[in-house]
Amino acid sequence: MRRRPPPVRVDEAEERRLIDLDGGMIRSRLRGALRLAAYALLTLSLLPVQAVAVALGLRLRERLPRFYHRLCLGLLGFRVEVRGERLAERPVLFVSNHVSYLDIMVLGALITGCFVAKTEVAGWPGFGTLAKLQRTVFVERRRSAVARHGDAIADRLKAHDNLVLFAEGTSSDGTRVLPFKSGLLAAADREVDGRALTVQPVSIAYTKLNGIPLGRGLRPFLAWYGDMDLAPHLWEVVALGRVTVVVEFHEPTSLAEAGSRKALATLCHRRVAAGVSRANAGR
C-alpha cells in the first residue's frame, strides 16, 4: 500500500540522541509483539458486537467505537493532552489536520461521531472493515467529492451525528499543516434544524516520546505520509514507548460566519496551524 511523494526517513543522529537521553532503547520487539496480540484480541472481541449494533441501529454503535479507541490508546501507550473545549452540541463538523492513521484512534477516543474518509480506505485490509463499522462516509478525493456524496452526509447530519473531516485531503509530516481544501468543506453548506452547521477546528500534534520532545527528524516515527509502507510503519509504532499527543479544540465557527467556503477553509487552517505550531514548540 503506497502513497506519494517520496519517503522521508527518521533522522538517525536525532534517534541516537533520544536513546541517550532516555537511557535505553526507544523500540522493543517484545513490547511490539505483545501490543499487537492485545490489539488483535480486543478488536476481534468487539468487532462482532459493533457489527450487530450497526445492523440493528442500536445506540451502542455510536458509543462502542469511542470506548474501543480509548482502550487502544492505553494498549499502545498513548497519552492525550486535550486543550480547549469540545462542543457538546450535535451535530458538529470537526475539521482537523491529518498526520497519520493514528489520528483516527486519537480523535475517535475524544469525539462520538463518523469520519469522512477517501474511498480507498474502504478497501484497506482490516482498517477498511473497522472504518465501515464506525459508519465512515467514504468520498472520492476530488474537489467536489463531498458535494457529490451529499446524501450520505445529509443522512448523518439529520440523525445528529457528528462528522470528523481531515481538510488537507492527505496526511503531512506533522511539522506543518497543508492548505485546507475548500471543496472538502461542502458539508458546511448544510443547515440542521434551520440553523447553520457548526464547524469546530481541531489540531492534532504528536509531541513527545518517553517524555522527550520530538524534533522534526523523529516525527516520521508517528507521521505516515509520502511513500511509506503501512505494515512496517505500524510495527515501528507498536514497538515504541510512551507517546504524547496534543489535541486542541479551537473556537467554533460556521460557513455563515466565515462568508464563503474558501474563507471558512482559510479560517480553520489558520486556527489549526497555530495549534500545531504551539504544540510542537512545547507551548
C-alpha atoms as a PDB file:
ATOM      1  CA  MET A   1       0.000   0.000   0.000  1.00  0.00           C
ATOM      2  CA  ARG A   2       1.970   3.048  -1.216  1.00  0.00           C
ATOM      3  CA  ARG A   3       1.490   6.759  -1.378  1.00  0.00           C
ATOM      4  CA  ARG A   4       3.341   9.742  -2.815  1.00  0.00           C
ATOM      5  CA  PRO A   5       5.509  11.958  -2.568  1.00  0.00           C
ATOM      6  CA  PRO A   6       8.894  10.267  -1.823  1.00  0.00           C
ATOM      7  CA  PRO A   7       9.602   8.727   1.595  1.00  0.00           C
ATOM      8  CA  VAL A   8      11.156  10.592   4.496  1.00  0.00           C
ATOM      9  CA  ARG A   9      13.340   8.580   6.872  1.00  0.00           C
ATOM     10  CA  VAL A  10      13.852   9.005  10.582  1.00  0.00           C
ATOM     11  CA  ASP A  11      16.948  11.078  11.315  1.00  0.00           C
ATOM     12  CA  GLU A  12      19.474   8.589  12.735  1.00  0.00           C
ATOM     13  CA  ALA A  13      21.502  11.189  14.636  1.00  0.00           C
ATOM     14  CA  GLU A  14      18.402  12.511  16.387  1.00  0.00           C
ATOM     15  CA  GLU A  15      17.282   8.964  17.145  1.00  0.00           C
ATOM     16  CA  ARG A  16      20.629   8.244  18.849  1.00  0.00           C
ATOM     17  CA  ARG A  17      20.272  11.458  20.850  1.00  0.00           C
ATOM     18  CA  LEU A  18      16.819  10.398  22.028  1.00  0.00           C
ATOM     19  CA  ILE A  19      18.120   6.949  23.048  1.00  0.00           C
ATOM     20  CA  ASP A  20      20.942   8.558  25.026  1.00  0.00           C
ATOM     21  CA  LEU A  21      18.540  10.917  26.799  1.00  0.00           C
ATOM     22  CA  ASP A  22      16.065   8.163  27.586  1.00  0.00           C
ATOM     23  CA  GLY A  23      18.778   5.825  28.858  1.00  0.00           C
ATOM     24  CA  GLY A  24      17.691   2.842  26.783  1.00  0.00           C
ATOM     25  CA  MET A  25      16.113   1.617  23.574  1.00  0.00           C
ATOM     26  CA  ILE A  26      13.052   3.507  22.370  1.00  0.00           C
ATOM     27  CA  ARG A  27      11.780   0.465  20.435  1.00  0.00           C
ATOM     28  CA  SER A  28      11.178  -3.041  21.739  1.00  0.00           C
ATOM     29  CA  ARG A  29      10.231  -6.035  19.589  1.00  0.00           C
ATOM     30  CA  LEU A  30       8.772  -7.841  22.596  1.00  0.00           C
ATOM     31  CA  ARG A  31       6.668  -4.838  23.514  1.00  0.00           C
ATOM     32  CA  GLY A  32       5.506  -4.565  19.911  1.00  0.00           C
ATOM     33  CA  ALA A  33       4.525  -8.227  19.708  1.00  0.00           C
ATOM     34  CA  LEU A  34       2.596  -8.085  22.986  1.00  0.00           C
ATOM     35  CA  ARG A  35       0.775  -4.941  21.949  1.00  0.00           C
ATOM     36  CA  LEU A  36      -0.171  -6.375  18.568  1.00  0.00           C
ATOM     37  CA  ALA A  37      -1.523  -9.509  20.222  1.00  0.00           C
ATOM     38  CA  ALA A  38      -3.554  -7.479  22.715  1.00  0.00           C
ATOM     39  CA  TYR A  39      -4.823  -5.182  19.948  1.00  0.00           C
ATOM     40  CA  ALA A  40      -5.895  -8.144  17.806  1.00  0.00           C
ATOM     41  CA  LEU A  41      -7.673  -9.793  20.757  1.00  0.00           C
ATOM     42  CA  LEU A  42      -9.503  -6.580  21.649  1.00  0.00           C
ATOM     43  CA  THR A  43     -10.518  -5.891  18.056  1.00  0.00           C
ATOM     44  CA  LEU A  44     -11.725  -9.410  17.336  1.00  0.00           C
ATOM     45  CA  SER A  45     -13.722  -9.406  20.576  1.00  0.00           C
ATOM     46  CA  LEU A  46     -15.564  -6.139  19.931  1.00  0.00           C
ATOM     47  CA  LEU A  47     -15.916  -6.331  16.142  1.00  0.00           C
ATOM     48  CA  PRO A  48     -18.949  -8.675  16.108  1.00  0.00           C
ATOM     49  CA  VAL A  49     -20.628  -6.615  18.852  1.00  0.00           C
ATOM     50  CA  GLN A  50     -20.282  -3.451  16.775  1.00  0.00           C
ATOM     51  CA  ALA A  51     -21.477  -5.271  13.657  1.00  0.00           C
ATOM     52  CA  VAL A  52     -24.698  -6.293  15.417  1.00  0.00           C
ATOM     53  CA  ALA A  53     -25.161  -2.784  16.859  1.00  0.00           C
ATOM     54  CA  VAL A  54     -24.821  -1.228  13.386  1.00  0.00           C
ATOM     55  CA  ALA A  55     -27.143  -3.780  11.792  1.00  0.00           C
ATOM     56  CA  LEU A  56     -29.846  -3.188  14.421  1.00  0.00           C
ATOM     57  CA  GLY A  57     -29.359   0.575  14.630  1.00  0.00           C
ATOM     58  CA  LEU A  58     -28.591   0.479  18.356  1.00  0.00           C
ATOM     59  CA  ARG A  59     -27.179   3.475  20.246  1.00  0.00           C
ATOM     60  CA  LEU A  60     -24.257   1.238  21.125  1.00  0.00           C
ATOM     61  CA  ARG A  61     -22.981   1.680  17.557  1.00  0.00           C
ATOM     62  CA  GLU A  62     -22.016   5.279  18.499  1.00  0.00           C
ATOM     63  CA  ARG A  63     -20.607   4.596  21.953  1.00  0.00           C
ATOM     64  CA  LEU A  64     -18.628   1.423  21.365  1.00  0.00           C
ATOM     65  CA  PRO A  65     -16.119   2.917  18.848  1.00  0.00           C
ATOM     66  CA  ARG A  66     -15.162   5.629  21.339  1.00  0.00           C
ATOM     67  CA  PHE A  67     -14.701   3.038  24.090  1.00  0.00           C
ATOM     68  CA  TYR A  68     -12.666   0.890  21.709  1.00  0.00           C
ATOM     69  CA  HIS A  69     -10.371   3.746  20.673  1.00  0.00           C
ATOM     70  CA  ARG A  70      -9.768   4.676  24.312  1.00  0.00           C
ATOM     71  CA  LEU A  71      -8.710   1.126  25.077  1.00  0.00           C
ATOM     72  CA  CYS A  72      -6.407   1.136  22.035  1.00  0.00           C
ATOM     73  CA  LEU A  73      -4.736   4.331  23.247  1.00  0.00           C
ATOM     74  CA  GLY A  74      -3.991   2.648  26.564  1.00  0.00           C
ATOM     75  CA  LEU A  75      -2.684  -0.516  24.908  1.00  0.00           C
ATOM     76  CA  LEU A  76      -0.287   1.421  22.674  1.00  0.00           C
ATOM     77  CA  GLY A  77       0.985   3.712  25.423  1.00  0.00           C
ATOM     78  CA  PHE A  78      -0.558   6.937  24.080  1.00  0.00           C
ATOM     79  CA  ARG A  79      -1.298   9.823  26.431  1.00  0.00           C
ATOM     80  CA  VAL A  80      -3.598  12.501  25.021  1.00  0.00           C
ATOM     81  CA  GLU A  81      -3.378  16.068  26.299  1.00  0.00           C
ATOM     82  CA  VAL A  82      -6.601  17.906  25.472  1.00  0.00           C
ATOM     83  CA  ARG A  83      -6.709  21.673  25.160  1.00  0.00           C
ATOM     84  CA  GLY A  84      -9.761  23.811  24.599  1.00  0.00           C
ATOM     85  CA  GLU A  85     -13.346  22.631  24.905  1.00  0.00           C
ATOM     86  CA  ARG A  86     -15.053  20.193  22.571  1.00  0.00           C
ATOM     87  CA  LEU A  87     -18.567  21.259  21.642  1.00  0.00           C
ATOM     88  CA  ALA A  88     -21.218  19.097  23.262  1.00  0.00           C
ATOM     89  CA  GLU A  89     -23.996  20.104  20.854  1.00  0.00           C
ATOM     90  CA  ARG A  90     -24.816  17.873  17.893  1.00  0.00           C
ATOM     91  CA  PRO A  91     -24.238  17.754  15.054  1.00  0.00           C
ATOM     92  CA  VAL A  92     -20.850  19.420  14.635  1.00  0.00           C
ATOM     93  CA  LEU A  93     -18.413  19.247  11.728  1.00  0.00           C
ATOM     94  CA  PHE A  94     -14.960  18.823  13.263  1.00  0.00           C
ATOM     95  CA  VAL A  95     -12.236  19.947  10.838  1.00  0.00           C
ATOM     96  CA  SER A  96      -8.745  18.631  11.599  1.00  0.00           C
ATOM     97  CA  ASN A  97      -5.253  18.384  10.194  1.00  0.00           C
ATOM     98  CA  HIS A  98      -4.046  14.878   9.304  1.00  0.00           C
ATOM     99  CA  VAL A  99      -0.725  13.345  10.352  1.00  0.00           C
ATOM    100  CA  SER A 100      -1.286   9.590  10.407  1.00  0.00           C
ATOM    101  CA  TYR A 101      -3.785   6.738  10.508  1.00  0.00           C
ATOM    102  CA  LEU A 102      -3.253   7.092  14.266  1.00  0.00           C
ATOM    103  CA  ASP A 103      -5.379  10.251  14.134  1.00  0.00           C
ATOM    104  CA  ILE A 104      -8.455   8.020  13.826  1.00  0.00           C
ATOM    105  CA  MET A 105      -7.682   6.364  17.149  1.00  0.00           C
ATOM    106  CA  VAL A 106      -6.866   9.634  18.907  1.00  0.00           C
ATOM    107  CA  LEU A 107      -9.849  11.654  17.667  1.00  0.00           C
ATOM    108  CA  GLY A 108     -12.128   8.620  17.828  1.00  0.00           C
ATOM    109  CA  ALA A 109     -11.429   8.390  21.556  1.00  0.00           C
ATOM    110  CA  LEU A 110     -12.481  12.015  22.052  1.00  0.00           C
ATOM    111  CA  ILE A 111     -15.352  12.515  19.608  1.00  0.00           C
ATOM    112  CA  THR A 112     -18.527  10.493  19.226  1.00  0.00           C
ATOM    113  CA  GLY A 113     -19.180  10.657  15.506  1.00  0.00           C
ATOM    114  CA  CYS A 114     -18.439   9.486  11.973  1.00  0.00           C
ATOM    115  CA  PHE A 115     -15.284  10.122   9.969  1.00  0.00           C
ATOM    116  CA  VAL A 116     -15.235  11.324   6.378  1.00  0.00           C
ATOM    117  CA  ALA A 117     -12.535   9.371   4.514  1.00  0.00           C
ATOM    118  CA  LYS A 118     -11.330   8.805   0.974  1.00  0.00           C
ATOM    119  CA  THR A 119     -12.839   5.844  -0.857  1.00  0.00           C
ATOM    120  CA  GLU A 120      -9.513   3.959  -0.930  1.00  0.00           C
ATOM    121  CA  VAL A 121      -9.724   3.425   2.838  1.00  0.00           C
ATOM    122  CA  ALA A 122     -12.761   1.171   2.382  1.00  0.00           C
ATOM    123  CA  GLY A 123     -10.545  -1.360   0.591  1.00  0.00           C
ATOM    124  CA  TRP A 124      -7.694  -1.402   3.121  1.00  0.00           C
ATOM    125  CA  PRO A 125      -7.321  -4.820   4.811  1.00  0.00           C
ATOM    126  CA  GLY A 126      -8.561  -4.635   8.378  1.00  0.00           C
ATOM    127  CA  PHE A 127      -8.725  -0.855   8.582  1.00  0.00           C
ATOM    128  CA  GLY A 128     -11.408  -0.726   5.884  1.00  0.00           C
ATOM    129  CA  THR A 129     -13.649  -3.056   7.865  1.00  0.00           C
ATOM    130  CA  LEU A 130     -13.159  -1.038  11.046  1.00  0.00           C
ATOM    131  CA  ALA A 131     -13.934   2.188   9.164  1.00  0.00           C
ATOM    132  CA  LYS A 132     -17.172   0.756   7.782  1.00  0.00           C
ATOM    133  CA  LEU A 133     -18.258  -0.418  11.222  1.00  0.00           C
ATOM    134  CA  GLN A 134     -17.733   3.115  12.526  1.00  0.00           C
ATOM    135  CA  ARG A 135     -20.126   4.245   9.766  1.00  0.00           C
ATOM    136  CA  THR A 136     -17.472   6.233   7.948  1.00  0.00           C
ATOM    137  CA  VAL A 137     -18.641   8.310   4.972  1.00  0.00           C
ATOM    138  CA  PHE A 138     -16.376   7.467   2.025  1.00  0.00           C
ATOM    139  CA  VAL A 139     -15.767  10.139  -0.620  1.00  0.00           C
ATOM    140  CA  GLU A 140     -13.587  10.395  -3.697  1.00  0.00           C
ATOM    141  CA  ARG A 141     -10.530  12.601  -3.260  1.00  0.00           C
ATOM    142  CA  ARG A 142     -11.584  15.371  -5.624  1.00  0.00           C
ATOM    143  CA  ARG A 143     -12.572  18.986  -5.160  1.00  0.00           C
ATOM    144  CA  SER A 144     -16.301  18.311  -5.432  1.00  0.00           C
ATOM    145  CA  ALA A 145     -16.202  14.945  -3.680  1.00  0.00           C
ATOM    146  CA  VAL A 146     -18.125  15.845  -0.538  1.00  0.00           C
ATOM    147  CA  ALA A 147     -20.751  17.742  -2.513  1.00  0.00           C
ATOM    148  CA  ARG A 148     -21.393  14.688  -4.690  1.00  0.00           C
ATOM    149  CA  HIS A 149     -21.742  12.484  -1.635  1.00  0.00           C
ATOM    150  CA  GLY A 150     -24.238  14.880  -0.102  1.00  0.00           C
ATOM    151  CA  ASP A 151     -26.982  12.329   0.536  1.00  0.00           C
ATOM    152  CA  ALA A 152     -24.847  10.196   2.840  1.00  0.00           C
ATOM    153  CA  ILE A 153     -23.614  13.270   4.696  1.00  0.00           C
ATOM    154  CA  ALA A 154     -27.130  14.692   4.916  1.00  0.00           C
ATOM    155  CA  ASP A 155     -28.359  11.436   6.447  1.00  0.00           C
ATOM    156  CA  ARG A 156     -25.668  11.622   9.129  1.00  0.00           C
ATOM    157  CA  LEU A 157     -26.493  15.246   9.933  1.00  0.00           C
ATOM    158  CA  LYS A 158     -30.245  14.602  10.072  1.00  0.00           C
ATOM    159  CA  ALA A 159     -29.512  11.879  12.592  1.00  0.00           C
ATOM    160  CA  HIS A 160     -27.479  14.486  14.540  1.00  0.00           C
ATOM    161  CA  ASP A 161     -24.251  12.544  14.017  1.00  0.00           C
ATOM    162  CA  ASN A 162     -21.022  14.485  14.350  1.00  0.00           C
ATOM    163  CA  LEU A 163     -18.655  14.375  11.368  1.00  0.00           C
ATOM    164  CA  VAL A 164     -14.851  14.436  11.508  1.00  0.00           C
ATOM    165  CA  LEU A 165     -13.111  15.679   8.366  1.00  0.00           C
ATOM    166  CA  PHE A 166      -9.392  15.860   7.507  1.00  0.00           C
ATOM    167  CA  ALA A 167      -9.423  19.004   5.412  1.00  0.00           C
ATOM    168  CA  GLU A 168      -5.907  18.693   3.945  1.00  0.00           C
ATOM    169  CA  GLY A 169      -7.108  15.780   1.821  1.00  0.00           C
ATOM    170  CA  THR A 170      -3.950  13.802   2.669  1.00  0.00           C
ATOM    171  CA  SER A 171      -1.547  13.350   5.580  1.00  0.00           C
ATOM    172  CA  SER A 172       1.508  15.504   6.312  1.00  0.00           C
ATOM    173  CA  ASP A 173       4.798  15.176   8.202  1.00  0.00           C
ATOM    174  CA  GLY A 174       3.287  16.687  11.350  1.00  0.00           C
ATOM    175  CA  THR A 175       5.578  19.712  11.268  1.00  0.00           C
ATOM    176  CA  ARG A 176       3.332  21.937   9.200  1.00  0.00           C
ATOM    177  CA  VAL A 177      -0.302  21.940   8.149  1.00  0.00           C
ATOM    178  CA  LEU A 178      -1.021  21.704   4.430  1.00  0.00           C
ATOM    179  CA  PRO A 179      -3.605  24.079   2.903  1.00  0.00           C
ATOM    180  CA  PHE A 180      -7.196  23.067   3.573  1.00  0.00           C
ATOM    181  CA  LYS A 181      -9.249  22.155   0.516  1.00  0.00           C
ATOM    182  CA  SER A 182     -12.386  24.273   0.408  1.00  0.00           C
ATOM    183  CA  GLY A 183     -14.150  21.660  -1.747  1.00  0.00           C
ATOM    184  CA  LEU A 184     -13.972  19.179   1.146  1.00  0.00           C
ATOM    185  CA  LEU A 185     -15.911  21.616   3.337  1.00  0.00           C
ATOM    186  CA  ALA A 186     -19.066  21.334   1.232  1.00  0.00           C
ATOM    187  CA  ALA A 187     -20.758  19.635   4.182  1.00  0.00           C
ATOM    188  CA  ALA A 188     -20.699  23.006   5.946  1.00  0.00           C
ATOM    189  CA  ASP A 189     -23.192  24.301   3.351  1.00  0.00           C
ATOM    190  CA  ARG A 190     -25.983  22.367   5.005  1.00  0.00           C
ATOM    191  CA  GLU A 191     -28.376  23.572   7.652  1.00  0.00           C
ATOM    192  CA  VAL A 192     -29.581  21.416  10.527  1.00  0.00           C
ATOM    193  CA  ASP A 193     -32.882  22.180  12.236  1.00  0.00           C
ATOM    194  CA  GLY A 194     -32.984  25.529  10.456  1.00  0.00           C
ATOM    195  CA  ARG A 195     -29.540  26.708  11.561  1.00  0.00           C
ATOM    196  CA  ALA A 196     -26.103  26.750  10.011  1.00  0.00           C
ATOM    197  CA  LEU A 197     -23.967  23.707  10.750  1.00  0.00           C
ATOM    198  CA  THR A 198     -21.407  24.451  13.458  1.00  0.00           C
ATOM    199  CA  VAL A 199     -17.789  23.874  12.470  1.00  0.00           C
ATOM    200  CA  GLN A 200     -15.082  23.344  15.085  1.00  0.00           C
ATOM    201  CA  PRO A 201     -11.416  23.308  14.012  1.00  0.00           C
ATOM    202  CA  VAL A 202      -9.231  20.713  15.754  1.00  0.00           C
ATOM    203  CA  SER A 203      -5.447  20.425  15.748  1.00  0.00           C
ATOM    204  CA  ILE A 204      -3.502  17.239  16.474  1.00  0.00           C
ATOM    205  CA  ALA A 205       0.242  17.014  17.111  1.00  0.00           C
ATOM    206  CA  TYR A 206       2.477  14.151  18.262  1.00  0.00           C
ATOM    207  CA  THR A 207       4.878  15.927  20.569  1.00  0.00           C
ATOM    208  CA  LYS A 208       6.818  13.577  22.878  1.00  0.00           C
ATOM    209  CA  LEU A 209       8.259  10.078  23.032  1.00  0.00           C
ATOM    210  CA  ASN A 210       9.009   8.771  26.521  1.00  0.00           C
ATOM    211  CA  GLY A 211       8.528  12.313  27.797  1.00  0.00           C
ATOM    212  CA  ILE A 212      11.186  13.737  25.462  1.00  0.00           C
ATOM    213  CA  PRO A 213      10.136  16.334  22.832  1.00  0.00           C
ATOM    214  CA  LEU A 214      10.104  15.028  19.275  1.00  0.00           C
ATOM    215  CA  GLY A 215      12.055  17.060  16.743  1.00  0.00           C
ATOM    216  CA  ARG A 216      11.288  17.190  13.049  1.00  0.00           C
ATOM    217  CA  GLY A 217      13.696  14.350  12.305  1.00  0.00           C
ATOM    218  CA  LEU A 218      11.847  11.911  14.579  1.00  0.00           C
ATOM    219  CA  ARG A 219       8.248  12.708  13.639  1.00  0.00           C
ATOM    220  CA  PRO A 220       8.263  10.035  10.871  1.00  0.00           C
ATOM    221  CA  PHE A 221       8.091   7.506  13.735  1.00  0.00           C
ATOM    222  CA  LEU A 222       4.446   8.584  14.079  1.00  0.00           C
ATOM    223  CA  ALA A 223       3.591  10.566  10.941  1.00  0.00           C
ATOM    224  CA  TRP A 224       2.521   8.396   7.981  1.00  0.00           C
ATOM    225  CA  TYR A 225       2.858  10.146   4.650  1.00  0.00           C
ATOM    226  CA  GLY A 226       4.758  10.186   1.395  1.00  0.00           C
ATOM    227  CA  ASP A 227       5.688   6.722   0.096  1.00  0.00           C
ATOM    228  CA  MET A 228       5.689   4.960   3.461  1.00  0.00           C
ATOM    229  CA  ASP A 229       4.506   1.350   3.649  1.00  0.00           C
ATOM    230  CA  LEU A 230       1.748   0.777   6.197  1.00  0.00           C
ATOM    231  CA  ALA A 231       2.811  -2.542   7.773  1.00  0.00           C
ATOM    232  CA  PRO A 232       6.459  -1.595   8.622  1.00  0.00           C
ATOM    233  CA  HIS A 233       5.317   1.776   9.931  1.00  0.00           C
ATOM    234  CA  LEU A 234       2.669   0.180  12.149  1.00  0.00           C
ATOM    235  CA  TRP A 235       5.288  -2.237  13.521  1.00  0.00           C
ATOM    236  CA  GLU A 236       7.502   0.739  14.427  1.00  0.00           C
ATOM    237  CA  VAL A 237       4.588   2.422  16.211  1.00  0.00           C
ATOM    238  CA  VAL A 238       3.601  -0.544  18.388  1.00  0.00           C
ATOM    239  CA  ALA A 239       7.239  -1.095  19.390  1.00  0.00           C
ATOM    240  CA  LEU A 240       7.677   2.481  20.624  1.00  0.00           C
ATOM    241  CA  GLY A 241       7.454   3.628  24.237  1.00  0.00           C
ATOM    242  CA  ARG A 242       5.101   6.269  25.626  1.00  0.00           C
ATOM    243  CA  VAL A 243       3.738   8.761  23.103  1.00  0.00           C
ATOM    244  CA  THR A 244       2.238  12.146  23.992  1.00  0.00           C
ATOM    245  CA  VAL A 245      -0.366  13.641  21.661  1.00  0.00           C
ATOM    246  CA  VAL A 246      -1.734  17.168  21.953  1.00  0.00           C
ATOM    247  CA  VAL A 247      -5.265  17.750  20.666  1.00  0.00           C
ATOM    248  CA  GLU A 248      -6.668  21.272  20.752  1.00  0.00           C
ATOM    249  CA  PHE A 249     -10.301  22.159  20.137  1.00  0.00           C
ATOM    250  CA  HIS A 250     -10.477  25.672  18.757  1.00  0.00           C
ATOM    251  CA  GLU A 251     -13.144  28.361  18.702  1.00  0.00           C
ATOM    252  CA  PRO A 252     -16.090  27.175  16.594  1.00  0.00           C
ATOM    253  CA  THR A 253     -17.391  28.943  13.518  1.00  0.00           C
ATOM    254  CA  SER A 254     -19.766  28.348  10.601  1.00  0.00           C
ATOM    255  CA  LEU A 255     -19.996  28.932   6.877  1.00  0.00           C
ATOM    256  CA  ALA A 256     -22.431  31.778   7.509  1.00  0.00           C
ATOM    257  CA  GLU A 257     -19.953  33.446   9.859  1.00  0.00           C
ATOM    258  CA  ALA A 258     -16.961  32.963   7.535  1.00  0.00           C
ATOM    259  CA  GLY A 259     -18.841  34.204   4.475  1.00  0.00           C
ATOM    260  CA  SER A 260     -17.717  31.607   1.927  1.00  0.00           C
ATOM    261  CA  ARG A 261     -16.351  28.094   1.756  1.00  0.00           C
ATOM    262  CA  LYS A 262     -12.902  29.387   0.807  1.00  0.00           C
ATOM    263  CA  ALA A 263     -12.899  31.822   3.711  1.00  0.00           C
ATOM    264  CA  LEU A 264     -14.018  29.024   6.041  1.00  0.00           C
ATOM    265  CA  ALA A 265     -11.142  26.819   4.879  1.00  0.00           C
ATOM    266  CA  THR A 266      -8.681  29.668   5.460  1.00  0.00           C
ATOM    267  CA  LEU A 267     -10.073  30.443   8.912  1.00  0.00           C
ATOM    268  CA  CYS A 268      -9.988  26.803  10.037  1.00  0.00           C
ATOM    269  CA  HIS A 269      -6.489  26.346   8.623  1.00  0.00           C
ATOM    270  CA  ARG A 270      -5.189  29.383  10.478  1.00  0.00           C
ATOM    271  CA  ARG A 271      -6.514  28.172  13.824  1.00  0.00           C
ATOM    272  CA  VAL A 272      -5.377  24.577  13.330  1.00  0.00           C
ATOM    273  CA  ALA A 273      -1.905  25.603  12.114  1.00  0.00           C
ATOM    274  CA  ALA A 274      -1.462  27.859  15.154  1.00  0.00           C
ATOM    275  CA  GLY A 275      -2.431  24.974  17.442  1.00  0.00           C
ATOM    276  CA  VAL A 276       0.026  22.572  15.792  1.00  0.00           C
ATOM    277  CA  SER A 277       2.782  25.179  15.987  1.00  0.00           C
ATOM    278  CA  ARG A 278       2.164  25.769  19.709  1.00  0.00           C
ATOM    279  CA  ALA A 279       2.123  22.050  20.488  1.00  0.00           C
ATOM    280  CA  ASN A 280       5.296  21.313  18.514  1.00  0.00           C
ATOM    281  CA  ALA A 281       7.071  24.203  20.225  1.00  0.00           C
ATOM    282  CA  GLY A 282       6.064  22.898  23.655  1.00  0.00           C
ATOM    283  CA  ARG A 283       3.864  25.896  24.450  1.00  0.00           C
END
